[in-house]
Protein backbone atom coordinates (compact mmCIF):
# COMPACT_ATOMS: atom_id res chain seq x y z
CA MET A 1 -0.12 -0.12 0.26
CA LYS A 2 1.17 3.64 -1.18
CA THR A 3 1.81 5.85 1.74
CA VAL A 4 2.87 9.48 1.66
CA THR A 5 6.81 9.79 2.74
CA TRP A 6 7.57 12.16 5.22
CA LEU A 7 10.55 14.54 4.62
CA SER A 8 12.77 15.34 7.99
CA ALA A 9 15.01 18.02 8.30
CA HIS A 10 17.94 15.42 8.89
CA ASP A 11 16.99 14.10 5.54
CA SER A 12 19.66 15.11 2.63
CA PRO A 13 18.07 17.55 0.64
CA GLU A 14 18.56 15.24 -2.28
CA TRP A 15 16.85 12.83 -1.01
CA PHE A 16 13.26 12.22 -2.65
CA PRO A 17 11.17 8.85 -2.90
CA PRO A 18 10.59 7.42 -5.92
CA PRO A 19 8.18 8.95 -7.78
CA GLU A 20 6.13 5.90 -8.69
CA GLN A 21 4.88 5.80 -5.01
CA ALA A 22 2.88 8.97 -5.42
CA LEU A 23 -0.64 8.38 -4.32
CA GLU A 24 -3.50 7.94 -6.89
CA ASP A 25 -5.36 9.70 -4.66
CA PRO A 26 -4.90 12.73 -4.47
CA PRO A 27 -3.47 11.94 -7.53
CA GLY A 28 0.51 12.22 -7.75
CA LEU A 29 0.95 13.08 -4.05
CA LEU A 30 4.35 11.56 -3.07
CA ALA A 31 5.67 13.57 0.10
CA ALA A 32 4.79 16.13 2.71
CA GLY A 33 7.67 18.05 5.19
CA GLY A 34 11.20 19.34 4.40
CA ASP A 35 11.80 22.83 3.10
CA LEU A 36 12.29 25.05 0.23
CA ALA A 37 15.75 25.53 0.26
CA PRO A 38 17.35 25.70 -3.71
CA GLU A 39 18.98 22.79 -3.05
CA ARG A 40 15.88 20.47 -2.55
CA LEU A 41 13.59 22.35 -5.21
CA LEU A 42 16.83 21.62 -7.90
CA ALA A 43 16.78 17.88 -6.25
CA ALA A 44 12.90 17.67 -6.83
CA TYR A 45 12.79 19.41 -9.93
CA ARG A 46 15.39 17.15 -11.55
CA ARG A 47 13.15 14.14 -10.79
CA GLY A 48 9.82 15.62 -11.88
CA ILE A 49 8.84 16.17 -8.51
CA PHE A 50 7.08 19.98 -7.43
CA PRO A 51 5.82 21.90 -4.30
CA TRP A 52 1.98 22.56 -4.35
CA TYR A 53 0.37 23.36 -1.20
CA SER A 54 -1.83 25.67 0.82
CA PRO A 55 -0.85 28.06 3.53
CA GLY A 56 -0.78 26.28 6.60
CA GLN A 57 0.09 23.15 5.67
CA PRO A 58 3.13 21.14 5.09
CA VAL A 59 5.17 21.40 1.90
CA LEU A 60 3.57 18.89 -0.25
CA TRP A 61 5.55 17.57 -3.36
CA TRP A 62 3.71 15.89 -6.30
CA ALA A 63 4.48 14.06 -9.05
CA PRO A 64 1.27 13.14 -11.11
CA ASP A 65 0.83 10.52 -13.56
CA PRO A 66 0.19 11.49 -16.24
CA ARG A 67 1.83 14.77 -16.67
CA ALA A 68 1.16 17.98 -18.72
CA VAL A 69 3.84 19.00 -20.93
CA LEU A 70 4.05 21.66 -23.87
CA PHE A 71 6.52 20.57 -26.38
CA PRO A 72 7.50 24.11 -28.17
CA GLU A 73 7.20 23.03 -31.42
CA GLU A 74 3.65 21.69 -31.00
CA PHE A 75 2.58 25.42 -29.73
CA HIS A 76 -0.71 25.83 -31.24
CA CYS A 77 -1.00 29.67 -32.12
CA THR A 78 -4.36 30.79 -32.97
CA ARG A 79 -5.30 33.05 -35.59
CA SER A 80 -6.64 35.36 -32.79
CA LEU A 81 -3.53 34.98 -30.88
CA ALA A 82 -1.38 35.58 -33.87
CA LYS A 83 -3.62 38.79 -34.85
CA THR A 84 -2.98 40.13 -30.66
CA LEU A 85 0.54 39.38 -31.11
CA ARG A 86 0.86 41.69 -34.52
CA ASN A 87 -1.65 44.33 -33.99
CA ALA A 88 -2.35 44.61 -30.21
CA GLY A 89 0.93 46.31 -28.95
CA PHE A 90 2.61 43.98 -27.01
CA THR A 91 6.09 43.96 -26.20
CA THR A 92 7.85 41.17 -24.25
CA SER A 93 10.92 40.60 -22.18
CA VAL A 94 12.53 37.46 -20.12
CA ASP A 95 13.98 38.73 -16.17
CA ARG A 96 12.95 42.34 -16.48
CA ASP A 97 10.59 42.03 -13.40
CA PHE A 98 10.74 38.63 -11.84
CA VAL A 99 9.41 40.22 -8.41
CA ALA A 100 6.40 41.73 -10.43
CA VAL A 101 5.38 38.39 -12.10
CA ILE A 102 5.38 36.17 -8.88
CA ASP A 103 3.70 38.72 -6.85
CA GLY A 104 1.27 39.01 -10.07
CA CYS A 105 1.15 35.27 -10.16
CA ALA A 106 -0.11 35.41 -6.26
CA ALA A 107 -2.60 37.75 -6.48
CA PRO A 108 -6.02 36.61 -5.92
CA ARG A 109 -8.26 36.09 -8.56
CA ALA A 110 -12.19 36.38 -9.27
CA ALA A 111 -12.10 32.84 -9.81
CA SER A 112 -9.84 31.87 -6.62
CA PRO A 113 -9.34 34.62 -4.11
CA GLY A 114 -6.39 32.33 -2.27
CA THR A 115 -3.04 31.64 -3.66
CA TRP A 116 -0.66 28.83 -3.08
CA ILE A 117 2.34 31.26 -3.43
CA THR A 118 2.80 31.75 0.44
CA SER A 119 5.78 33.89 1.25
CA ASP A 120 7.75 31.12 1.81
CA MET A 121 7.42 30.20 -1.83
CA ARG A 122 7.94 33.48 -2.55
CA THR A 123 11.26 33.40 -1.02
CA ALA A 124 12.34 30.26 -2.17
CA TYR A 125 11.96 31.27 -5.82
CA LEU A 126 13.23 34.27 -5.90
CA ALA A 127 16.60 32.68 -4.28
CA LEU A 128 16.39 29.98 -7.41
CA HIS A 129 16.21 33.68 -9.85
CA ARG A 130 18.90 35.13 -7.93
CA LEU A 131 21.09 31.64 -8.83
CA GLY A 132 20.26 31.91 -11.94
CA ARG A 133 17.97 29.21 -12.19
CA ALA A 134 14.05 30.68 -11.88
CA HIS A 135 13.12 32.91 -14.79
CA SER A 136 10.47 35.35 -15.96
CA VAL A 137 9.05 36.09 -19.06
CA GLU A 138 7.00 39.77 -19.45
CA SER A 139 4.35 40.64 -21.40
CA TRP A 140 3.71 44.64 -21.69
CA ARG A 141 1.66 47.45 -22.98
CA ASP A 142 1.78 50.77 -22.77
CA GLY A 143 4.30 50.88 -20.52
CA ARG A 144 2.75 48.49 -18.25
CA LEU A 145 2.92 45.12 -17.10
CA ALA A 146 0.66 43.28 -19.15
CA GLY A 147 0.92 39.60 -18.07
CA GLY A 148 4.11 37.22 -17.49
CA LEU A 149 5.24 33.84 -16.25
CA TYR A 150 7.89 32.32 -14.05
CA GLY A 151 9.36 28.92 -14.07
CA VAL A 152 12.84 26.78 -13.65
CA ARG A 153 15.35 26.11 -16.20
CA LEU A 154 17.27 23.15 -16.01
CA GLY A 155 19.01 22.01 -19.23
CA GLY A 156 16.62 20.96 -22.21
CA VAL A 157 13.65 21.86 -19.74
CA PHE A 158 11.64 24.33 -18.59
CA PHE A 159 9.40 23.64 -15.46
CA GLY A 160 6.43 26.17 -15.78
CA GLU A 161 5.13 27.60 -12.50
CA SER A 162 2.52 29.98 -12.97
CA MET A 163 1.10 32.58 -15.10
CA PHE A 164 -1.23 35.40 -14.95
CA SER A 165 -3.00 38.38 -16.99
CA ALA A 166 -3.63 41.70 -16.12
CA VAL A 167 -4.55 42.31 -19.02
CA ARG A 168 -6.93 40.03 -21.67
CA ASP A 169 -4.14 37.65 -23.38
CA GLY A 170 -1.46 39.10 -21.42
CA SER A 171 -0.49 35.69 -20.37
CA LYS A 172 -0.67 33.96 -23.69
CA VAL A 173 1.46 36.49 -25.27
CA ALA A 174 4.32 35.70 -22.43
CA LEU A 175 3.68 31.93 -23.62
CA ALA A 176 4.26 32.61 -27.33
CA HIS A 177 7.35 34.01 -26.56
CA LEU A 178 8.21 31.63 -23.97
CA VAL A 179 7.88 29.24 -27.18
CA ALA A 180 9.91 31.14 -29.27
CA VAL A 181 12.92 31.35 -26.24
CA CYS A 182 12.45 27.93 -26.10
CA LEU A 183 13.12 27.07 -29.94
CA ARG A 184 15.86 28.89 -30.10
CA ASN A 185 17.83 27.42 -27.11
CA SER A 186 16.67 24.02 -28.05
CA ILE A 187 14.56 23.86 -24.81
CA ALA A 188 13.06 19.94 -25.45
CA VAL A 189 10.07 21.00 -23.23
CA ILE A 190 7.98 22.97 -21.22
CA ASP A 191 6.31 21.26 -18.08
CA CYS A 192 2.99 22.28 -17.41
CA GLN A 193 2.41 19.71 -14.50
CA LEU A 194 -1.55 19.50 -14.77
CA TYR A 195 -3.46 19.27 -17.66
CA SER A 196 -6.07 22.35 -18.31
CA ARG A 197 -8.57 23.12 -21.28
CA HIS A 198 -6.87 26.16 -21.47
CA LEU A 199 -3.39 24.96 -21.95
CA GLY A 200 -4.69 22.05 -24.30
CA SER A 201 -6.02 24.80 -26.55
CA LEU A 202 -2.41 26.32 -26.96
CA GLY A 203 -0.92 22.69 -27.79
CA ALA A 204 -0.11 21.10 -24.27
CA ARG A 205 -0.88 17.42 -23.86
CA THR A 206 -0.67 14.77 -21.35
CA ILE A 207 2.56 12.31 -21.37
CA PRO A 208 2.75 9.12 -18.67
CA ARG A 209 4.75 9.70 -15.99
CA ALA A 210 7.36 7.12 -16.91
CA ALA A 211 8.04 9.22 -20.18
CA PHE A 212 7.94 12.25 -18.41
CA GLN A 213 11.23 10.75 -16.51
CA ARG A 214 13.01 9.32 -19.30
CA LEU A 215 12.67 12.63 -21.06
CA LEU A 216 14.13 14.45 -17.82
CA ARG A 217 16.99 11.92 -17.64
CA GLU A 218 17.88 13.00 -21.22
CA GLN A 219 17.31 16.46 -21.03
CA VAL A 220 18.38 18.12 -17.44
CA ALA A 221 21.55 17.42 -17.27
CA LEU A 222 22.31 18.73 -20.43
CA PRO A 223 24.05 22.50 -20.73
CA SER A 224 22.30 25.23 -19.69
CA PRO A 225 22.89 28.44 -22.02
CA PRO A 226 21.71 32.03 -20.91
CA PHE A 227 17.85 32.28 -21.17
CA ARG A 228 16.98 34.72 -23.73
């Protein structure tokens, strides 16, 4: 019988149980506890594991099966998005304002007034950004931040964490720019973690966890040239 593994302060930050031990209910829950130190976070990502929890809970670690991914060459730029990219006055950037992007992602939304981006999560990803591991992609209009996304890049994988829009299509424009950056830098896959119809409309699909693990073994150890 599968059970959730508790990570203690005495465990090496490199140690996690195998993703195959993740529960089926709730789907993908693998471990709890530990901390969000950069070493532990990077060890988790290398194994296809990510943190996701609510305020008041211990850190929860997940490895869902199947896994939602977006292969950059499969990105579906709809006609309306292509028109927006051409005519709506957006500009884009990389790592211009990571703080504003993560704060935008953490802000309450009409359909979800709470946030899973706790103050500890914010601090952890800011630390990864300072280490050159976490990156943001921004979209701008009229000099103001219109949307963005952030995630972690290891070798040939970009592990997407969250995105937000301050104006219509702001996050889609940022995602389109991320795809262009990935194609330019030979990044093989964007990890989307969990599937949604919105992501599916942009070309994301699910693959078995075992296939995702094989992809990670091939890609995360590759060199990570500048992300731009």
